[in-house]
Amino acid sequence: MNQLKLELNNFFIVPFAHITIRKILSLGLLMLIIACSNDLEKIHEISIQNQASFPIETIKDCEIIYSDSAKVRVLLNATLMNRYADEDSYVEFKDGLKVQFFDVNGKKESELNADYAIVDDKKDLMLAQNNVVVRNVDGDILETEKLNWNKQKEEIFTDEFVKITTENEVIFGQGLVSNQNFSKYSIRKIKGTITINQSNE
């Protein structure tokens, strides 16, 4: 019975062999066309993504001046600046930057340093990251890993851990809001304070 069944199967396969081969070849060709089409679309998408990921402007040793009524209010210096034009236009300072803040009379009030920063052109917001340090004219020092600067509000703020060192104490906390000259600030959650003893000479 097994032998008869095998012969019957062979009987039906042989007459339709050419038709089956044509179908297989046609199906294979169709799959190849679809695969090639998908590959081209992927390549196009990758190409667009790669173009978008390249900066449209690169400046080395750049200096950016923000002025108000012809008076310098902010001076930004960086060794490398890259400007991108993706869906949201932004500027990246991947090698760090220094930002100096001045009052209306041109007197320096504070300075911000960070290892990395990115600026949203549309919102006038900057996010500084990695070893962020802010110093004011009184010698107070703010240290954190992330700090936002709102240019319009002239305000700096963060939700990250902060350390503030003044002449008399060291304050640890979580979150901070301050004016950009770092003269008036509020710590959202103080976690500890260390008093610095001043020795009389």
N, C-alpha and C. Protein backbone atom coordinates (compact mmCIF):
# COMPACT_ATOMS: atom_id res chain seq x y z
N MET A 1 0.83 -1.21 0.00
CA MET A 1 0.00 0.00 0.00
C MET A 1 0.87 1.26 0.00
N ASN A 2 1.92 1.23 0.74
CA ASN A 2 2.80 2.40 0.79
C ASN A 2 3.42 2.66 -0.57
N GLN A 3 3.78 1.53 -1.27
CA GLN A 3 4.40 1.67 -2.59
C GLN A 3 3.41 2.21 -3.59
N LEU A 4 2.18 1.79 -3.53
CA LEU A 4 1.14 2.26 -4.45
C LEU A 4 0.87 3.74 -4.25
N LYS A 5 0.82 4.13 -2.98
CA LYS A 5 0.57 5.53 -2.66
C LYS A 5 1.69 6.41 -3.18
N LEU A 6 2.91 5.95 -3.07
CA LEU A 6 4.05 6.71 -3.56
C LEU A 6 4.01 6.87 -5.06
N GLU A 7 3.61 5.79 -5.75
CA GLU A 7 3.52 5.86 -7.20
C GLU A 7 2.42 6.81 -7.63
N LEU A 8 1.29 6.79 -6.90
CA LEU A 8 0.19 7.70 -7.23
C LEU A 8 0.62 9.15 -7.02
N ASN A 9 1.35 9.38 -5.96
CA ASN A 9 1.83 10.74 -5.71
C ASN A 9 2.76 11.20 -6.82
N ASN A 10 3.63 10.30 -7.26
CA ASN A 10 4.55 10.64 -8.34
C ASN A 10 3.78 10.90 -9.63
N PHE A 11 2.69 10.17 -9.82
CA PHE A 11 1.88 10.32 -11.02
C PHE A 11 1.30 11.74 -11.11
N PHE A 12 0.87 12.24 -9.97
CA PHE A 12 0.28 13.58 -9.96
C PHE A 12 1.34 14.69 -10.00
N ILE A 13 2.48 14.44 -9.48
CA ILE A 13 3.53 15.46 -9.44
C ILE A 13 4.10 15.72 -10.82
N VAL A 14 4.34 14.69 -11.60
CA VAL A 14 5.02 14.84 -12.88
C VAL A 14 4.28 15.73 -13.86
N PRO A 15 2.95 15.53 -14.10
CA PRO A 15 2.26 16.39 -15.08
C PRO A 15 2.28 17.87 -14.71
N PHE A 16 2.33 18.18 -13.41
CA PHE A 16 2.26 19.59 -13.00
C PHE A 16 3.63 20.15 -12.61
N ALA A 17 4.67 19.43 -12.97
CA ALA A 17 6.01 19.86 -12.58
C ALA A 17 6.36 21.20 -13.19
N HIS A 18 6.07 21.38 -14.50
CA HIS A 18 6.43 22.63 -15.16
C HIS A 18 5.65 23.81 -14.60
N ILE A 19 4.35 23.56 -14.32
CA ILE A 19 3.50 24.62 -13.77
C ILE A 19 4.01 25.03 -12.39
N THR A 20 4.36 24.03 -11.59
CA THR A 20 4.83 24.30 -10.23
C THR A 20 6.13 25.10 -10.25
N ILE A 21 7.03 24.73 -11.16
CA ILE A 21 8.30 25.44 -11.28
C ILE A 21 8.07 26.88 -11.67
N ARG A 22 7.12 27.09 -12.64
CA ARG A 22 6.81 28.46 -13.06
C ARG A 22 6.30 29.28 -11.88
N LYS A 23 5.42 28.66 -11.09
CA LYS A 23 4.86 29.37 -9.94
C LYS A 23 5.94 29.71 -8.93
N ILE A 24 6.82 28.75 -8.71
CA ILE A 24 7.90 28.99 -7.75
C ILE A 24 8.80 30.12 -8.22
N LEU A 25 9.14 30.06 -9.55
CA LEU A 25 9.99 31.11 -10.11
C LEU A 25 9.31 32.47 -10.06
N SER A 26 8.01 32.50 -10.38
CA SER A 26 7.26 33.76 -10.35
C SER A 26 7.18 34.30 -8.93
N LEU A 27 6.89 33.40 -7.98
CA LEU A 27 6.78 33.81 -6.58
C LEU A 27 8.13 34.31 -6.07
N GLY A 28 9.20 33.60 -6.46
CA GLY A 28 10.54 34.00 -6.04
C GLY A 28 10.92 35.36 -6.60
N LEU A 29 10.56 35.59 -7.87
CA LEU A 29 10.85 36.88 -8.50
C LEU A 29 10.09 38.01 -7.83
N LEU A 30 8.82 37.73 -7.49
CA LEU A 30 7.99 38.73 -6.82
C LEU A 30 8.56 39.07 -5.45
N MET A 31 8.97 38.04 -4.71
CA MET A 31 9.55 38.26 -3.38
C MET A 31 10.85 39.05 -3.50
N LEU A 32 11.63 38.76 -4.55
CA LEU A 32 12.88 39.48 -4.76
C LEU A 32 12.63 40.95 -5.04
N ILE A 33 11.60 41.25 -5.85
CA ILE A 33 11.24 42.64 -6.18
C ILE A 33 10.79 43.38 -4.92
N ILE A 34 9.95 42.71 -4.11
CA ILE A 34 9.46 43.32 -2.88
C ILE A 34 10.62 43.58 -1.92
N ALA A 35 11.51 42.57 -1.83
CA ALA A 35 12.66 42.71 -0.94
C ALA A 35 13.54 43.88 -1.37
N CYS A 36 13.79 43.98 -2.68
CA CYS A 36 14.61 45.07 -3.20
C CYS A 36 13.95 46.43 -2.94
N SER A 37 12.62 46.48 -3.12
CA SER A 37 11.88 47.71 -2.88
C SER A 37 11.98 48.13 -1.43
N ASN A 38 11.82 47.15 -0.52
CA ASN A 38 11.92 47.45 0.92
C ASN A 38 13.33 47.90 1.28
N ASP A 39 14.31 47.25 0.67
CA ASP A 39 15.70 47.63 0.94
C ASP A 39 15.98 49.05 0.48
N LEU A 40 15.44 49.42 -0.69
CA LEU A 40 15.64 50.78 -1.19
C LEU A 40 14.99 51.80 -0.26
N GLU A 41 13.79 51.46 0.24
CA GLU A 41 13.11 52.37 1.17
C GLU A 41 13.91 52.52 2.46
N LYS A 42 14.46 51.40 2.93
CA LYS A 42 15.26 51.45 4.15
C LYS A 42 16.51 52.29 3.94
N ILE A 43 17.15 52.07 2.79
CA ILE A 43 18.35 52.84 2.46
C ILE A 43 18.03 54.32 2.39
N HIS A 44 16.88 54.66 1.80
CA HIS A 44 16.46 56.06 1.69
C HIS A 44 16.23 56.65 3.08
N GLU A 45 15.56 55.87 3.93
CA GLU A 45 15.30 56.33 5.29
C GLU A 45 16.60 56.53 6.06
N ILE A 46 17.51 55.56 5.91
CA ILE A 46 18.80 55.67 6.59
C ILE A 46 19.58 56.87 6.09
N SER A 47 19.49 57.11 4.77
CA SER A 47 20.19 58.25 4.18
C SER A 47 19.66 59.55 4.76
N ILE A 48 18.33 59.65 4.86
CA ILE A 48 17.71 60.86 5.42
C ILE A 48 18.13 61.04 6.87
N GLN A 49 18.12 59.94 7.64
CA GLN A 49 18.51 60.01 9.04
C GLN A 49 19.96 60.43 9.18
N ASN A 50 20.82 59.89 8.33
CA ASN A 50 22.23 60.26 8.40
C ASN A 50 22.45 61.72 8.04
N GLN A 51 21.70 62.21 7.02
CA GLN A 51 21.82 63.61 6.65
C GLN A 51 21.38 64.50 7.80
N ALA A 52 20.29 64.09 8.48
CA ALA A 52 19.78 64.89 9.58
C ALA A 52 20.72 64.88 10.77
N SER A 53 21.50 63.80 10.93
CA SER A 53 22.38 63.68 12.09
C SER A 53 23.69 64.42 11.90
N PHE A 54 23.97 64.89 10.68
CA PHE A 54 25.17 65.67 10.45
C PHE A 54 24.88 67.14 10.69
N PRO A 55 25.80 67.86 11.33
CA PRO A 55 25.57 69.28 11.58
C PRO A 55 25.56 70.10 10.29
N ILE A 56 24.71 71.11 10.25
CA ILE A 56 24.67 72.01 9.09
C ILE A 56 25.68 73.15 9.27
N GLU A 57 26.19 73.28 10.50
CA GLU A 57 27.18 74.32 10.76
C GLU A 57 28.10 73.86 11.89
N THR A 58 29.39 74.00 11.70
CA THR A 58 30.38 73.66 12.72
C THR A 58 31.35 74.83 12.89
N ILE A 59 31.52 75.24 14.14
CA ILE A 59 32.42 76.36 14.43
C ILE A 59 33.36 75.94 15.56
N LYS A 60 34.64 76.16 15.36
CA LYS A 60 35.64 75.88 16.39
C LYS A 60 36.04 77.19 17.07
N ASP A 61 36.30 77.08 18.38
CA ASP A 61 36.67 78.25 19.18
C ASP A 61 35.68 79.39 18.97
N CYS A 62 34.42 79.07 19.20
CA CYS A 62 33.36 80.05 18.94
C CYS A 62 33.10 80.94 20.14
N GLU A 63 32.55 82.10 19.85
CA GLU A 63 32.13 83.05 20.88
C GLU A 63 30.76 83.60 20.47
N ILE A 64 29.79 83.44 21.36
CA ILE A 64 28.43 83.91 21.09
C ILE A 64 28.07 84.98 22.11
N ILE A 65 27.60 86.10 21.62
CA ILE A 65 27.25 87.22 22.49
C ILE A 65 25.74 87.44 22.46
N TYR A 66 25.14 87.46 23.64
CA TYR A 66 23.72 87.80 23.78
C TYR A 66 23.66 89.21 24.37
N SER A 67 23.06 90.12 23.63
CA SER A 67 23.03 91.52 24.08
C SER A 67 21.59 92.01 24.27
N ASP A 68 21.49 93.06 25.04
CA ASP A 68 20.20 93.71 25.27
C ASP A 68 20.44 95.22 25.28
N SER A 69 19.78 95.92 24.36
CA SER A 69 19.97 97.37 24.21
C SER A 69 21.45 97.69 23.99
N ALA A 70 22.07 96.92 23.12
CA ALA A 70 23.47 97.10 22.73
C ALA A 70 24.46 96.85 23.87
N LYS A 71 23.99 96.19 24.92
CA LYS A 71 24.87 95.86 26.05
C LYS A 71 24.97 94.34 26.19
N VAL A 72 26.20 93.88 26.38
CA VAL A 72 26.43 92.43 26.51
C VAL A 72 25.87 91.95 27.84
N ARG A 73 24.98 90.96 27.75
CA ARG A 73 24.41 90.37 28.96
C ARG A 73 24.92 88.95 29.20
N VAL A 74 25.22 88.25 28.11
CA VAL A 74 25.73 86.88 28.22
C VAL A 74 26.82 86.67 27.18
N LEU A 75 27.91 86.06 27.61
CA LEU A 75 29.02 85.73 26.72
C LEU A 75 29.30 84.24 26.81
N LEU A 76 29.17 83.55 25.68
CA LEU A 76 29.35 82.10 25.65
C LEU A 76 30.59 81.75 24.83
N ASN A 77 31.45 80.95 25.39
CA ASN A 77 32.66 80.49 24.70
C ASN A 77 32.72 78.96 24.71
N ALA A 78 33.10 78.39 23.55
CA ALA A 78 33.20 76.94 23.43
C ALA A 78 34.26 76.57 22.40
N THR A 79 34.91 75.45 22.61
CA THR A 79 35.93 75.00 21.65
C THR A 79 35.30 74.42 20.38
N LEU A 80 34.06 73.92 20.51
CA LEU A 80 33.39 73.34 19.34
C LEU A 80 31.88 73.52 19.45
N MET A 81 31.29 74.02 18.38
CA MET A 81 29.83 74.18 18.32
C MET A 81 29.30 73.52 17.05
N ASN A 82 28.27 72.69 17.19
CA ASN A 82 27.61 72.06 16.05
C ASN A 82 26.13 72.45 16.05
N ARG A 83 25.66 72.93 14.89
CA ARG A 83 24.25 73.28 14.76
C ARG A 83 23.56 72.23 13.88
N TYR A 84 22.41 71.74 14.36
CA TYR A 84 21.65 70.72 13.65
C TYR A 84 20.28 71.26 13.25
N ALA A 85 19.76 70.73 12.14
CA ALA A 85 18.46 71.17 11.64
C ALA A 85 17.55 69.96 11.47
N ASP A 86 17.26 69.26 12.56
CA ASP A 86 16.31 68.16 12.53
C ASP A 86 14.91 68.75 12.67
N GLU A 87 13.97 67.96 13.17
CA GLU A 87 12.62 68.49 13.38
C GLU A 87 12.66 69.69 14.31
N ASP A 88 13.52 69.62 15.32
CA ASP A 88 13.73 70.74 16.22
C ASP A 88 15.18 71.20 16.06
N SER A 89 15.36 72.44 15.68
CA SER A 89 16.70 72.98 15.49
C SER A 89 17.39 73.15 16.85
N TYR A 90 18.64 72.72 16.93
CA TYR A 90 19.36 72.83 18.19
C TYR A 90 20.85 72.99 17.95
N VAL A 91 21.55 73.45 18.98
CA VAL A 91 23.00 73.63 18.94
C VAL A 91 23.61 72.76 20.03
N GLU A 92 24.70 72.09 19.68
CA GLU A 92 25.35 71.18 20.62
C GLU A 92 26.79 71.62 20.89
N PHE A 93 27.16 71.60 22.16
CA PHE A 93 28.53 71.88 22.58
C PHE A 93 29.06 70.61 23.26
N LYS A 94 29.52 69.69 22.47
CA LYS A 94 29.89 68.37 23.02
C LYS A 94 31.23 68.37 23.73
N ASP A 95 32.04 69.42 23.52
CA ASP A 95 33.33 69.52 24.21
C ASP A 95 33.29 70.52 25.36
N GLY A 96 32.09 70.86 25.78
CA GLY A 96 31.95 71.76 26.91
C GLY A 96 31.85 73.23 26.52
N LEU A 97 31.58 74.06 27.53
CA LEU A 97 31.44 75.50 27.28
C LEU A 97 31.60 76.29 28.57
N LYS A 98 31.77 77.60 28.39
CA LYS A 98 31.79 78.54 29.51
C LYS A 98 30.82 79.66 29.19
N VAL A 99 29.94 79.97 30.15
CA VAL A 99 28.95 81.03 29.96
C VAL A 99 29.13 82.06 31.06
N GLN A 100 29.32 83.33 30.66
CA GLN A 100 29.46 84.41 31.62
C GLN A 100 28.23 85.31 31.57
N PHE A 101 27.73 85.67 32.75
CA PHE A 101 26.52 86.50 32.84
C PHE A 101 26.91 87.88 33.39
N PHE A 102 26.34 88.94 32.76
CA PHE A 102 26.66 90.31 33.13
C PHE A 102 25.38 91.07 33.50
N ASP A 103 25.54 92.10 34.33
CA ASP A 103 24.39 92.93 34.65
C ASP A 103 24.21 94.00 33.58
N VAL A 104 23.24 94.87 33.77
CA VAL A 104 22.91 95.87 32.74
C VAL A 104 24.05 96.88 32.53
N ASN A 105 24.96 96.96 33.50
CA ASN A 105 26.08 97.89 33.39
C ASN A 105 27.34 97.21 32.84
N GLY A 106 27.21 95.94 32.47
CA GLY A 106 28.35 95.23 31.91
C GLY A 106 29.27 94.61 32.93
N LYS A 107 28.86 94.57 34.20
CA LYS A 107 29.68 93.97 35.25
C LYS A 107 29.38 92.48 35.35
N LYS A 108 30.44 91.68 35.39
CA LYS A 108 30.26 90.24 35.47
C LYS A 108 29.65 89.84 36.81
N GLU A 109 28.60 88.98 36.74
CA GLU A 109 27.90 88.56 37.95
C GLU A 109 28.12 87.09 38.29
N SER A 110 28.24 86.25 37.27
CA SER A 110 28.41 84.82 37.52
C SER A 110 28.98 84.14 36.29
N GLU A 111 29.41 82.89 36.48
CA GLU A 111 29.99 82.11 35.39
C GLU A 111 29.56 80.66 35.51
N LEU A 112 29.21 80.07 34.38
CA LEU A 112 28.78 78.67 34.33
C LEU A 112 29.75 77.88 33.45
N ASN A 113 30.20 76.74 33.95
CA ASN A 113 31.05 75.84 33.18
C ASN A 113 30.45 74.44 33.17
N ALA A 114 30.56 73.75 32.03
CA ALA A 114 30.04 72.39 31.92
C ALA A 114 30.80 71.63 30.84
N ASP A 115 30.81 70.31 30.95
CA ASP A 115 31.51 69.47 29.97
C ASP A 115 30.69 69.24 28.70
N TYR A 116 29.38 69.50 28.80
CA TYR A 116 28.50 69.29 27.63
C TYR A 116 27.28 70.19 27.79
N ALA A 117 26.75 70.63 26.63
CA ALA A 117 25.52 71.43 26.66
C ALA A 117 24.81 71.35 25.33
N ILE A 118 23.50 71.53 25.38
CA ILE A 118 22.68 71.56 24.17
C ILE A 118 21.66 72.68 24.32
N VAL A 119 21.46 73.42 23.23
CA VAL A 119 20.57 74.59 23.26
C VAL A 119 19.43 74.40 22.28
N ASP A 120 18.20 74.58 22.75
CA ASP A 120 17.00 74.56 21.92
C ASP A 120 16.79 75.98 21.38
N ASP A 121 16.99 76.16 20.09
CA ASP A 121 16.91 77.50 19.50
C ASP A 121 15.53 78.12 19.64
N LYS A 122 14.49 77.32 19.43
CA LYS A 122 13.14 77.84 19.44
C LYS A 122 12.69 78.27 20.83
N LYS A 123 13.05 77.49 21.84
CA LYS A 123 12.58 77.75 23.20
C LYS A 123 13.55 78.58 24.02
N ASP A 124 14.73 78.86 23.46
CA ASP A 124 15.75 79.61 24.20
C ASP A 124 16.09 78.94 25.52
N LEU A 125 16.23 77.63 25.47
CA LEU A 125 16.56 76.85 26.66
C LEU A 125 17.88 76.13 26.44
N MET A 126 18.70 76.10 27.47
CA MET A 126 19.95 75.36 27.40
C MET A 126 19.99 74.34 28.52
N LEU A 127 20.45 73.13 28.18
CA LEU A 127 20.68 72.09 29.17
C LEU A 127 22.18 71.83 29.25
N ALA A 128 22.77 72.13 30.39
CA ALA A 128 24.18 71.86 30.63
C ALA A 128 24.30 70.58 31.44
N GLN A 129 25.27 69.74 31.08
CA GLN A 129 25.42 68.45 31.75
C GLN A 129 26.89 68.15 32.04
N ASN A 130 27.08 67.27 33.01
CA ASN A 130 28.39 66.72 33.36
C ASN A 130 29.33 67.78 33.95
N ASN A 131 29.56 67.64 35.24
CA ASN A 131 30.47 68.55 35.96
C ASN A 131 30.07 70.01 35.78
N VAL A 132 28.81 70.28 36.03
CA VAL A 132 28.32 71.66 35.91
C VAL A 132 28.69 72.44 37.16
N VAL A 133 29.33 73.57 36.95
CA VAL A 133 29.76 74.42 38.08
C VAL A 133 29.37 75.87 37.78
N VAL A 134 28.72 76.50 38.76
CA VAL A 134 28.35 77.91 38.65
C VAL A 134 28.98 78.67 39.81
N ARG A 135 29.63 79.79 39.52
CA ARG A 135 30.25 80.64 40.53
C ARG A 135 29.71 82.06 40.40
N ASN A 136 29.38 82.67 41.52
CA ASN A 136 28.94 84.07 41.48
C ASN A 136 30.05 84.99 42.00
N VAL A 137 29.79 86.28 41.98
CA VAL A 137 30.83 87.25 42.35
C VAL A 137 31.18 87.19 43.84
N ASP A 138 30.30 86.61 44.65
CA ASP A 138 30.57 86.48 46.08
C ASP A 138 31.40 85.24 46.40
N GLY A 139 31.66 84.43 45.40
CA GLY A 139 32.45 83.23 45.63
C GLY A 139 31.63 81.99 45.93
N ASP A 140 30.30 82.10 45.91
CA ASP A 140 29.45 80.94 46.13
C ASP A 140 29.55 80.01 44.92
N ILE A 141 29.55 78.71 45.18
CA ILE A 141 29.73 77.72 44.11
C ILE A 141 28.56 76.73 44.11
N LEU A 142 27.99 76.53 42.95
CA LEU A 142 26.95 75.52 42.75
C LEU A 142 27.54 74.39 41.91
N GLU A 143 27.35 73.15 42.37
CA GLU A 143 27.82 71.98 41.63
C GLU A 143 26.66 71.00 41.44
N THR A 144 26.50 70.53 40.21
CA THR A 144 25.45 69.56 39.89
C THR A 144 25.81 68.87 38.58
N GLU A 145 25.02 67.87 38.20
CA GLU A 145 25.29 67.15 36.95
C GLU A 145 24.40 67.60 35.79
N LYS A 146 23.29 68.27 36.10
CA LYS A 146 22.41 68.80 35.07
C LYS A 146 21.86 70.14 35.52
N LEU A 147 21.88 71.10 34.59
CA LEU A 147 21.36 72.42 34.93
C LEU A 147 20.75 73.06 33.69
N ASN A 148 19.53 73.57 33.83
CA ASN A 148 18.83 74.24 32.74
C ASN A 148 18.98 75.74 32.88
N TRP A 149 19.09 76.41 31.73
CA TRP A 149 19.12 77.88 31.71
C TRP A 149 18.04 78.37 30.78
N ASN A 150 17.13 79.18 31.33
CA ASN A 150 16.07 79.81 30.55
C ASN A 150 16.50 81.24 30.25
N LYS A 151 16.84 81.49 28.99
CA LYS A 151 17.38 82.80 28.61
C LYS A 151 16.34 83.91 28.79
N GLN A 152 15.09 83.64 28.42
CA GLN A 152 14.05 84.66 28.51
C GLN A 152 13.77 85.06 29.96
N LYS A 153 13.72 84.07 30.85
CA LYS A 153 13.43 84.33 32.26
C LYS A 153 14.67 84.67 33.06
N GLU A 154 15.85 84.52 32.43
CA GLU A 154 17.13 84.74 33.12
C GLU A 154 17.18 83.90 34.39
N GLU A 155 16.93 82.63 34.22
CA GLU A 155 16.78 81.72 35.35
C GLU A 155 17.52 80.41 35.10
N ILE A 156 18.11 79.84 36.15
CA ILE A 156 18.70 78.51 36.07
C ILE A 156 17.96 77.60 37.05
N PHE A 157 17.82 76.34 36.67
CA PHE A 157 17.07 75.41 37.53
C PHE A 157 17.45 73.98 37.23
N THR A 158 17.18 73.10 38.20
CA THR A 158 17.46 71.67 38.05
C THR A 158 16.62 70.87 39.03
N ASP A 159 16.40 69.61 38.70
CA ASP A 159 15.76 68.65 39.61
C ASP A 159 16.79 67.69 40.20
N GLU A 160 18.03 67.86 39.80
CA GLU A 160 19.09 66.94 40.20
C GLU A 160 19.67 67.31 41.58
N PHE A 161 20.54 66.43 42.06
CA PHE A 161 21.25 66.67 43.31
C PHE A 161 22.15 67.90 43.14
N VAL A 162 22.18 68.76 44.16
CA VAL A 162 23.01 69.96 44.10
C VAL A 162 23.88 70.09 45.35
N LYS A 163 25.00 70.73 45.17
CA LYS A 163 25.90 71.05 46.28
C LYS A 163 26.26 72.53 46.16
N ILE A 164 26.01 73.27 47.21
CA ILE A 164 26.31 74.70 47.22
C ILE A 164 27.31 74.98 48.31
N THR A 165 28.40 75.60 47.92
CA THR A 165 29.45 75.95 48.87
C THR A 165 29.54 77.47 48.99
N THR A 166 29.32 77.95 50.22
CA THR A 166 29.44 79.39 50.49
C THR A 166 30.63 79.61 51.43
N GLU A 167 30.80 80.83 51.86
CA GLU A 167 31.91 81.14 52.76
C GLU A 167 31.76 80.44 54.10
N ASN A 168 30.50 80.23 54.51
CA ASN A 168 30.25 79.71 55.86
C ASN A 168 29.71 78.29 55.91
N GLU A 169 29.22 77.77 54.81
CA GLU A 169 28.60 76.44 54.88
C GLU A 169 28.56 75.75 53.53
N VAL A 170 28.31 74.44 53.62
CA VAL A 170 28.10 73.62 52.43
C VAL A 170 26.70 73.02 52.55
N ILE A 171 25.89 73.23 51.52
CA ILE A 171 24.49 72.77 51.54
C ILE A 171 24.30 71.70 50.46
N PHE A 172 23.66 70.60 50.85
CA PHE A 172 23.33 69.53 49.91
C PHE A 172 21.81 69.49 49.75
N GLY A 173 21.35 69.32 48.52
CA GLY A 173 19.91 69.28 48.31
C GLY A 173 19.52 68.63 47.00
N GLN A 174 18.21 68.56 46.81
CA GLN A 174 17.65 67.99 45.58
C GLN A 174 16.79 69.04 44.92
N GLY A 175 17.23 69.50 43.76
CA GLY A 175 16.47 70.50 43.03
C GLY A 175 16.80 71.92 43.46
N LEU A 176 16.81 72.81 42.46
CA LEU A 176 17.15 74.22 42.75
C LEU A 176 16.59 75.13 41.68
N VAL A 177 16.20 76.34 42.11
CA VAL A 177 15.79 77.40 41.19
C VAL A 177 16.54 78.66 41.60
N SER A 178 17.11 79.36 40.61
CA SER A 178 17.90 80.54 40.93
C SER A 178 17.85 81.53 39.77
N ASN A 179 18.14 82.80 40.08
CA ASN A 179 18.37 83.75 38.99
C ASN A 179 19.72 83.39 38.35
N GLN A 180 19.94 83.84 37.12
CA GLN A 180 21.13 83.39 36.40
C GLN A 180 22.44 83.91 36.99
N ASN A 181 22.38 84.98 37.79
CA ASN A 181 23.62 85.46 38.41
C ASN A 181 23.90 84.75 39.74
N PHE A 182 23.04 83.80 40.10
CA PHE A 182 23.22 82.94 41.27
C PHE A 182 23.38 83.74 42.57
N SER A 183 22.57 84.80 42.69
CA SER A 183 22.59 85.60 43.91
C SER A 183 21.37 85.32 44.79
N LYS A 184 20.29 84.86 44.15
CA LYS A 184 19.09 84.49 44.88
C LYS A 184 18.65 83.11 44.41
N TYR A 185 18.65 82.16 45.31
CA TYR A 185 18.31 80.78 44.92
C TYR A 185 17.47 80.10 46.00
N SER A 186 16.77 79.09 45.57
CA SER A 186 15.93 78.31 46.47
C SER A 186 16.18 76.82 46.21
N ILE A 187 16.51 76.10 47.26
CA ILE A 187 16.72 74.65 47.16
C ILE A 187 15.40 73.96 47.51
N ARG A 188 14.95 73.10 46.63
CA ARG A 188 13.63 72.48 46.82
C ARG A 188 13.60 71.53 48.01
N LYS A 189 14.65 70.76 48.19
CA LYS A 189 14.69 69.81 49.30
C LYS A 189 16.10 69.74 49.85
N ILE A 190 16.32 70.38 51.00
CA ILE A 190 17.64 70.36 51.62
C ILE A 190 17.88 69.02 52.29
N LYS A 191 19.02 68.41 52.01
CA LYS A 191 19.34 67.09 52.57
C LYS A 191 20.39 67.16 53.66
N GLY A 192 21.10 68.25 53.72
CA GLY A 192 22.12 68.37 54.76
C GLY A 192 22.89 69.67 54.65
N THR A 193 23.43 70.10 55.78
CA THR A 193 24.21 71.33 55.83
C THR A 193 25.45 71.11 56.69
N ILE A 194 26.57 71.57 56.20
CA ILE A 194 27.82 71.49 56.96
C ILE A 194 28.33 72.91 57.18
N THR A 195 28.55 73.26 58.44
CA THR A 195 29.05 74.59 58.77
C THR A 195 30.57 74.60 58.64
N ILE A 196 31.08 75.63 57.98
CA ILE A 196 32.52 75.78 57.81
C ILE A 196 33.04 76.70 58.90
N ASN A 197 33.91 76.19 59.75
CA ASN A 197 34.48 77.00 60.82
C ASN A 197 35.61 77.87 60.28
N GLN A 198 35.49 79.15 60.50
CA GLN A 198 36.52 80.09 60.07
C GLN A 198 37.51 80.31 61.21
N SER A 199 38.74 79.97 60.98
CA SER A 199 39.76 80.12 62.01
C SER A 199 40.27 81.56 62.03
N ASN A 200 40.41 82.11 63.20
CA ASN A 200 40.91 83.48 63.35
C ASN A 200 42.43 83.49 63.27
N GLU A 201 42.96 84.28 62.37
CA GLU A 201 44.41 84.36 62.23
C GLU A 201 44.96 85.51 63.04
